[in-house]
Amino acid sequence: MFKCFVMICSLLNPKNCMQLEDIRDIHKTEESCVERAIEIATQVPYYYPNYRAMKYRCKKLAKGQLT
């Protein structure tokens, strides 16, 4: 199981960054997690106009771990 995180940074101040966490689902495969990260990244300019996605991370969860 994988949890998706995307780091976004301000275009005006590149040191001003935030981490977004996917709350929609926990992914069974790393591939589906990466697909979700790309989906989130494409939506960033709509929800955060002055930010852009910079990095993503698919964190492998231990058995029984939800976050």
PDB file of N, CA and C in Angstrom:
ATOM      1  N   MET A   1       0.838  -1.171   0.000  1.00  0.00           N
ATOM      2  CA  MET A   1       0.000   0.000   0.000  1.00  0.00           C
ATOM      3  C   MET A   1       0.890   1.244   0.000  1.00  0.00           C
ATOM      4  N   PHE A   2       0.444   2.267  -0.723  1.00  0.00           N
ATOM      5  CA  PHE A   2       1.224   3.490  -0.862  1.00  0.00           C
ATOM      6  C   PHE A   2       0.362   4.714  -0.601  1.00  0.00           C
ATOM      7  N   LYS A   3       0.957   5.718   0.006  1.00  0.00           N
ATOM      8  CA  LYS A   3       0.320   7.009   0.269  1.00  0.00           C
ATOM      9  C   LYS A   3       1.029   8.051  -0.593  1.00  0.00           C
ATOM     10  N   CYS A   4       0.250   8.912  -1.236  1.00  0.00           N
ATOM     11  CA  CYS A   4       0.786   9.891  -2.180  1.00  0.00           C
ATOM     12  C   CYS A   4       0.947  11.271  -1.533  1.00  0.00           C
ATOM     13  N   PHE A   5       2.111  11.887  -1.758  1.00  0.00           N
ATOM     14  CA  PHE A   5       2.399  13.245  -1.304  1.00  0.00           C
ATOM     15  C   PHE A   5       2.967  14.032  -2.477  1.00  0.00           C
ATOM     16  N   VAL A   6       2.575  15.302  -2.593  1.00  0.00           N
ATOM     17  CA  VAL A   6       3.092  16.178  -3.645  1.00  0.00           C
ATOM     18  C   VAL A   6       3.561  17.476  -2.994  1.00  0.00           C
ATOM     19  N   MET A   7       4.795  17.880  -3.307  1.00  0.00           N
ATOM     20  CA  MET A   7       5.317  19.145  -2.790  1.00  0.00           C
ATOM     21  C   MET A   7       5.099  20.231  -3.834  1.00  0.00           C
ATOM     22  N   ILE A   8       4.490  21.345  -3.401  1.00  0.00           N
ATOM     23  CA  ILE A   8       4.270  22.474  -4.293  1.00  0.00           C
ATOM     24  C   ILE A   8       5.000  23.688  -3.740  1.00  0.00           C
ATOM     25  N   CYS A   9       5.516  24.533  -4.650  1.00  0.00           N
ATOM     26  CA  CYS A   9       6.260  25.721  -4.239  1.00  0.00           C
ATOM     27  C   CYS A   9       5.718  26.944  -4.963  1.00  0.00           C
ATOM     28  N   SER A  10       5.800  28.074  -4.292  1.00  0.00           N
ATOM     29  CA  SER A  10       5.347  29.343  -4.827  1.00  0.00           C
ATOM     30  C   SER A  10       6.236  29.787  -5.981  1.00  0.00           C
ATOM     31  N   LEU A  11       5.623  30.359  -7.015  1.00  0.00           N
ATOM     32  CA  LEU A  11       6.386  30.928  -8.118  1.00  0.00           C
ATOM     33  C   LEU A  11       7.012  32.259  -7.707  1.00  0.00           C
ATOM     34  N   LEU A  12       6.384  32.955  -6.765  1.00  0.00           N
ATOM     35  CA  LEU A  12       6.868  34.255  -6.319  1.00  0.00           C
ATOM     36  C   LEU A  12       8.009  34.129  -5.315  1.00  0.00           C
ATOM     37  N   ASN A  13       7.971  33.073  -4.504  1.00  0.00           N
ATOM     38  CA  ASN A  13       9.001  32.826  -3.500  1.00  0.00           C
ATOM     39  C   ASN A  13       9.253  31.318  -3.462  1.00  0.00           C
ATOM     40  N   PRO A  14      10.218  30.824  -4.248  1.00  0.00           N
ATOM     41  CA  PRO A  14      10.444  29.375  -4.355  1.00  0.00           C
ATOM     42  C   PRO A  14      10.765  28.664  -3.036  1.00  0.00           C
ATOM     43  N   LYS A  15      11.121  29.422  -2.005  1.00  0.00           N
ATOM     44  CA  LYS A  15      11.390  28.794  -0.711  1.00  0.00           C
ATOM     45  C   LYS A  15      10.109  28.583   0.098  1.00  0.00           C
ATOM     46  N   ASN A  16       8.994  29.103  -0.406  1.00  0.00           N
ATOM     47  CA  ASN A  16       7.691  28.944   0.240  1.00  0.00           C
ATOM     48  C   ASN A  16       7.013  27.713  -0.375  1.00  0.00           C
ATOM     49  N   CYS A  17       7.117  26.589   0.309  1.00  0.00           N
ATOM     50  CA  CYS A  17       6.588  25.318  -0.211  1.00  0.00           C
ATOM     51  C   CYS A  17       5.607  24.694   0.779  1.00  0.00           C
ATOM     52  N   MET A  18       4.743  23.839   0.238  1.00  0.00           N
ATOM     53  CA  MET A  18       3.767  23.095   1.043  1.00  0.00           C
ATOM     54  C   MET A  18       3.745  21.652   0.563  1.00  0.00           C
ATOM     55  N   GLN A  19       3.372  20.758   1.444  1.00  0.00           N
ATOM     56  CA  GLN A  19       3.201  19.362   1.077  1.00  0.00           C
ATOM     57  C   GLN A  19       1.717  19.039   1.055  1.00  0.00           C
ATOM     58  N   LEU A  20       1.250  18.529  -0.071  1.00  0.00           N
ATOM     59  CA  LEU A  20      -0.138  18.088  -0.194  1.00  0.00           C
ATOM     60  C   LEU A  20      -0.178  16.573   0.002  1.00  0.00           C
ATOM     61  N   GLU A  21      -1.182  16.120   0.712  1.00  0.00           N
ATOM     62  CA  GLU A  21      -1.351  14.688   0.970  1.00  0.00           C
ATOM     63  C   GLU A  21      -2.639  14.239   0.311  1.00  0.00           C
ATOM     64  N   ASP A  22      -2.574  13.144  -0.418  1.00  0.00           N
ATOM     65  CA  ASP A  22      -3.763  12.591  -1.073  1.00  0.00           C
ATOM     66  C   ASP A  22      -4.688  12.000  -0.013  1.00  0.00           C
ATOM     67  N   ILE A  23      -5.867  12.560   0.104  1.00  0.00           N
ATOM     68  CA  ILE A  23      -6.838  12.045   1.079  1.00  0.00           C
ATOM     69  C   ILE A  23      -7.915  11.201   0.406  1.00  0.00           C
ATOM     70  N   ARG A  24      -7.828  11.074  -0.905  1.00  0.00           N
ATOM     71  CA  ARG A  24      -8.839  10.335  -1.642  1.00  0.00           C
ATOM     72  C   ARG A  24      -8.705   8.827  -1.473  1.00  0.00           C
ATOM     73  N   ASP A  25      -7.461   8.354  -1.456  1.00  0.00           N
ATOM     74  CA  ASP A  25      -7.302   6.901  -1.435  1.00  0.00           C
ATOM     75  C   ASP A  25      -5.893   6.515  -1.002  1.00  0.00           C
ATOM     76  N   ILE A  26      -5.749   5.274  -0.561  1.00  0.00           N
ATOM     77  CA  ILE A  26      -4.458   4.636  -0.361  1.00  0.00           C
ATOM     78  C   ILE A  26      -4.307   3.679  -1.538  1.00  0.00           C
ATOM     79  N   HIS A  27      -3.166   3.700  -2.187  1.00  0.00           N
ATOM     80  CA  HIS A  27      -2.980   2.990  -3.449  1.00  0.00           C
ATOM     81  C   HIS A  27      -2.345   1.623  -3.228  1.00  0.00           C
ATOM     82  N   LYS A  28      -2.844   0.648  -3.963  1.00  0.00           N
ATOM     83  CA  LYS A  28      -2.342  -0.718  -3.828  1.00  0.00           C
ATOM     84  C   LYS A  28      -1.001  -0.898  -4.515  1.00  0.00           C
ATOM     85  N   THR A  29      -0.755  -0.130  -5.589  1.00  0.00           N
ATOM     86  CA  THR A  29       0.502  -0.257  -6.315  1.00  0.00           C
ATOM     87  C   THR A  29       1.198   1.096  -6.393  1.00  0.00           C
ATOM     88  N   GLU A  30       2.515   1.041  -6.563  1.00  0.00           N
ATOM     89  CA  GLU A  30       3.276   2.279  -6.705  1.00  0.00           C
ATOM     90  C   GLU A  30       2.890   2.999  -8.000  1.00  0.00           C
ATOM     91  N   GLU A  31       2.568   2.230  -9.038  1.00  0.00           N
ATOM     92  CA  GLU A  31       2.166   2.826 -10.312  1.00  0.00           C
ATOM     93  C   GLU A  31       0.905   3.670 -10.173  1.00  0.00           C
ATOM     94  N   SER A  32      -0.092   3.169  -9.440  1.00  0.00           N
ATOM     95  CA  SER A  32      -1.326   3.953  -9.265  1.00  0.00           C
ATOM     96  C   SER A  32      -1.068   5.174  -8.397  1.00  0.00           C
ATOM     97  N   CYS A  33      -0.114   5.069  -7.474  1.00  0.00           N
ATOM     98  CA  CYS A  33       0.262   6.206  -6.642  1.00  0.00           C
ATOM     99  C   CYS A  33       0.910   7.301  -7.503  1.00  0.00           C
ATOM    100  N   VAL A  34       1.799   6.898  -8.406  1.00  0.00           N
ATOM    101  CA  VAL A  34       2.454   7.863  -9.303  1.00  0.00           C
ATOM    102  C   VAL A  34       1.422   8.525 -10.208  1.00  0.00           C
ATOM    103  N   GLU A  35       0.475   7.751 -10.714  1.00  0.00           N
ATOM    104  CA  GLU A  35      -0.592   8.307 -11.549  1.00  0.00           C
ATOM    105  C   GLU A  35      -1.386   9.358 -10.784  1.00  0.00           C
ATOM    106  N   ARG A  36      -1.666   9.089  -9.530  1.00  0.00           N
ATOM    107  CA  ARG A  36      -2.405  10.048  -8.690  1.00  0.00           C
ATOM    108  C   ARG A  36      -1.561  11.302  -8.441  1.00  0.00           C
ATOM    109  N   ALA A  37      -0.260  11.137  -8.244  1.00  0.00           N
ATOM    110  CA  ALA A  37       0.625  12.292  -8.049  1.00  0.00           C
ATOM    111  C   ALA A  37       0.597  13.190  -9.283  1.00  0.00           C
ATOM    112  N   ILE A  38       0.616  12.598 -10.448  1.00  0.00           N
ATOM    113  CA  ILE A  38       0.552  13.374 -11.692  1.00  0.00           C
ATOM    114  C   ILE A  38      -0.796  14.077 -11.804  1.00  0.00           C
ATOM    115  N   GLU A  39      -1.857  13.396 -11.431  1.00  0.00           N
ATOM    116  CA  GLU A  39      -3.201  14.000 -11.452  1.00  0.00           C
ATOM    117  C   GLU A  39      -3.264  15.206 -10.513  1.00  0.00           C
ATOM    118  N   ILE A  40      -2.731  15.060  -9.310  1.00  0.00           N
ATOM    119  CA  ILE A  40      -2.708  16.168  -8.352  1.00  0.00           C
ATOM    120  C   ILE A  40      -1.882  17.323  -8.919  1.00  0.00           C
ATOM    121  N   ALA A  41      -0.713  17.002  -9.483  1.00  0.00           N
ATOM    122  CA  ALA A  41       0.179  18.035 -10.028  1.00  0.00           C
ATOM    123  C   ALA A  41      -0.498  18.848 -11.125  1.00  0.00           C
ATOM    124  N   THR A  42      -1.305  18.204 -11.952  1.00  0.00           N
ATOM    125  CA  THR A  42      -1.977  18.935 -13.033  1.00  0.00           C
ATOM    126  C   THR A  42      -3.086  19.843 -12.499  1.00  0.00           C
ATOM    127  N   GLN A  43      -3.609  19.556 -11.309  1.00  0.00           N
ATOM    128  CA  GLN A  43      -4.672  20.371 -10.724  1.00  0.00           C
ATOM    129  C   GLN A  43      -4.154  21.526  -9.868  1.00  0.00           C
ATOM    130  N   VAL A  44      -2.864  21.515  -9.536  1.00  0.00           N
ATOM    131  CA  VAL A  44      -2.290  22.539  -8.656  1.00  0.00           C
ATOM    132  C   VAL A  44      -2.525  23.957  -9.183  1.00  0.00           C
ATOM    133  N   PRO A  45      -2.253  24.271 -10.473  1.00  0.00           N
ATOM    134  CA  PRO A  45      -2.446  25.655 -10.932  1.00  0.00           C
ATOM    135  C   PRO A  45      -3.893  26.159 -10.796  1.00  0.00           C
ATOM    136  N   TYR A  46      -4.851  25.255 -10.817  1.00  0.00           N
ATOM    137  CA  TYR A  46      -6.247  25.641 -10.664  1.00  0.00           C
ATOM    138  C   TYR A  46      -6.562  26.036  -9.217  1.00  0.00           C
ATOM    139  N   TYR A  47      -6.095  25.235  -8.265  1.00  0.00           N
ATOM    140  CA  TYR A  47      -6.403  25.472  -6.852  1.00  0.00           C
ATOM    141  C   TYR A  47      -5.410  26.417  -6.179  1.00  0.00           C
ATOM    142  N   TYR A  48      -4.181  26.417  -6.647  1.00  0.00           N
ATOM    143  CA  TYR A  48      -3.121  27.279  -6.106  1.00  0.00           C
ATOM    144  C   TYR A  48      -2.457  27.992  -7.288  1.00  0.00           C
ATOM    145  N   PRO A  49      -3.054  29.084  -7.773  1.00  0.00           N
ATOM    146  CA  PRO A  49      -2.582  29.719  -9.009  1.00  0.00           C
ATOM    147  C   PRO A  49      -1.110  30.145  -9.010  1.00  0.00           C
ATOM    148  N   ASN A  50      -0.568  30.516  -7.884  1.00  0.00           N
ATOM    149  CA  ASN A  50       0.822  30.979  -7.839  1.00  0.00           C
ATOM    150  C   ASN A  50       1.792  29.882  -7.405  1.00  0.00           C
ATOM    151  N   TYR A  51       1.365  28.631  -7.466  1.00  0.00           N
ATOM    152  CA  TYR A  51       2.205  27.500  -7.057  1.00  0.00           C
ATOM    153  C   TYR A  51       2.343  26.511  -8.208  1.00  0.00           C
ATOM    154  N   ARG A  52       3.403  25.727  -8.153  1.00  0.00           N
ATOM    155  CA  ARG A  52       3.619  24.649  -9.113  1.00  0.00           C
ATOM    156  C   ARG A  52       4.110  23.417  -8.362  1.00  0.00           C
ATOM    157  N   ALA A  53       3.719  22.258  -8.853  1.00  0.00           N
ATOM    158  CA  ALA A  53       4.187  21.000  -8.265  1.00  0.00           C
ATOM    159  C   ALA A  53       5.663  20.830  -8.593  1.00  0.00           C
ATOM    160  N   MET A  54       6.435  20.470  -7.581  1.00  0.00           N
ATOM    161  CA  MET A  54       7.884  20.333  -7.754  1.00  0.00           C
ATOM    162  C   MET A  54       8.355  18.880  -7.629  1.00  0.00           C
ATOM    163  N   LYS A  55       7.790  18.158  -6.657  1.00  0.00           N
ATOM    164  CA  LYS A  55       8.205  16.777  -6.394  1.00  0.00           C
ATOM    165  C   LYS A  55       7.006  15.969  -5.931  1.00  0.00           C
ATOM    166  N   TYR A  56       7.129  14.673  -6.014  1.00  0.00           N
ATOM    167  CA  TYR A  56       6.118  13.791  -5.427  1.00  0.00           C
ATOM    168  C   TYR A  56       6.838  12.680  -4.677  1.00  0.00           C
ATOM    169  N   ARG A  57       6.084  12.023  -3.806  1.00  0.00           N
ATOM    170  CA  ARG A  57       6.620  10.878  -3.056  1.00  0.00           C
ATOM    171  C   ARG A  57       5.499   9.892  -2.849  1.00  0.00           C
ATOM    172  N   CYS A  58       5.777   8.651  -3.103  1.00  0.00           N
ATOM    173  CA  CYS A  58       4.837   7.565  -2.821  1.00  0.00           C
ATOM    174  C   CYS A  58       5.423   6.780  -1.661  1.00  0.00           C
ATOM    175  N   LYS A  59       4.873   7.000  -0.475  1.00  0.00           N
ATOM    176  CA  LYS A  59       5.391   6.376   0.743  1.00  0.00           C
ATOM    177  C   LYS A  59       4.783   4.988   0.903  1.00  0.00           C
ATOM    178  N   LYS A  60       5.656   3.997   1.028  1.00  0.00           N
ATOM    179  CA  LYS A  60       5.194   2.621   1.252  1.00  0.00           C
ATOM    180  C   LYS A  60       4.764   2.507   2.711  1.00  0.00           C
ATOM    181  N   LEU A  61       3.562   2.024   2.907  1.00  0.00           N
ATOM    182  CA  LEU A  61       3.014   1.874   4.262  1.00  0.00           C
ATOM    183  C   LEU A  61       3.244   0.446   4.754  1.00  0.00           C
ATOM    184  N   ALA A  62       3.583   0.350   6.016  1.00  0.00           N
ATOM    185  CA  ALA A  62       3.752  -0.972   6.640  1.00  0.00           C
ATOM    186  C   ALA A  62       2.385  -1.642   6.776  1.00  0.00           C
ATOM    187  N   LYS A  63       2.382  -2.937   6.863  1.00  0.00           N
ATOM    188  CA  LYS A  63       1.128  -3.683   7.005  1.00  0.00           C
ATOM    189  C   LYS A  63       0.363  -3.185   8.224  1.00  0.00           C
ATOM    190  N   GLY A  64      -0.890  -2.821   8.032  1.00  0.00           N
ATOM    191  CA  GLY A  64      -1.721  -2.335   9.115  1.00  0.00           C
ATOM    192  C   GLY A  64      -1.641  -0.816   9.316  1.00  0.00           C
ATOM    193  N   GLN A  65      -0.698  -0.156   8.639  1.00  0.00           N
ATOM    194  CA  GLN A  65      -0.527   1.287   8.770  1.00  0.00           C
ATOM    195  C   GLN A  65      -1.420   2.003   7.753  1.00  0.00           C
ATOM    196  N   LEU A  66      -2.114   3.061   8.191  1.00  0.00           N
ATOM    197  CA  LEU A  66      -2.994   3.797   7.284  1.00  0.00           C
ATOM    198  C   LEU A  66      -2.427   5.133   6.842  1.00  0.00           C
ATOM    199  N   THR A  67      -1.530   5.708   7.629  1.00  0.00           N
ATOM    200  CA  THR A  67      -0.943   6.995   7.244  1.00  0.00           C
ATOM    201  C   THR A  67       0.536   7.022   7.530  1.00  0.00           C
TER     202      THR A  67
END
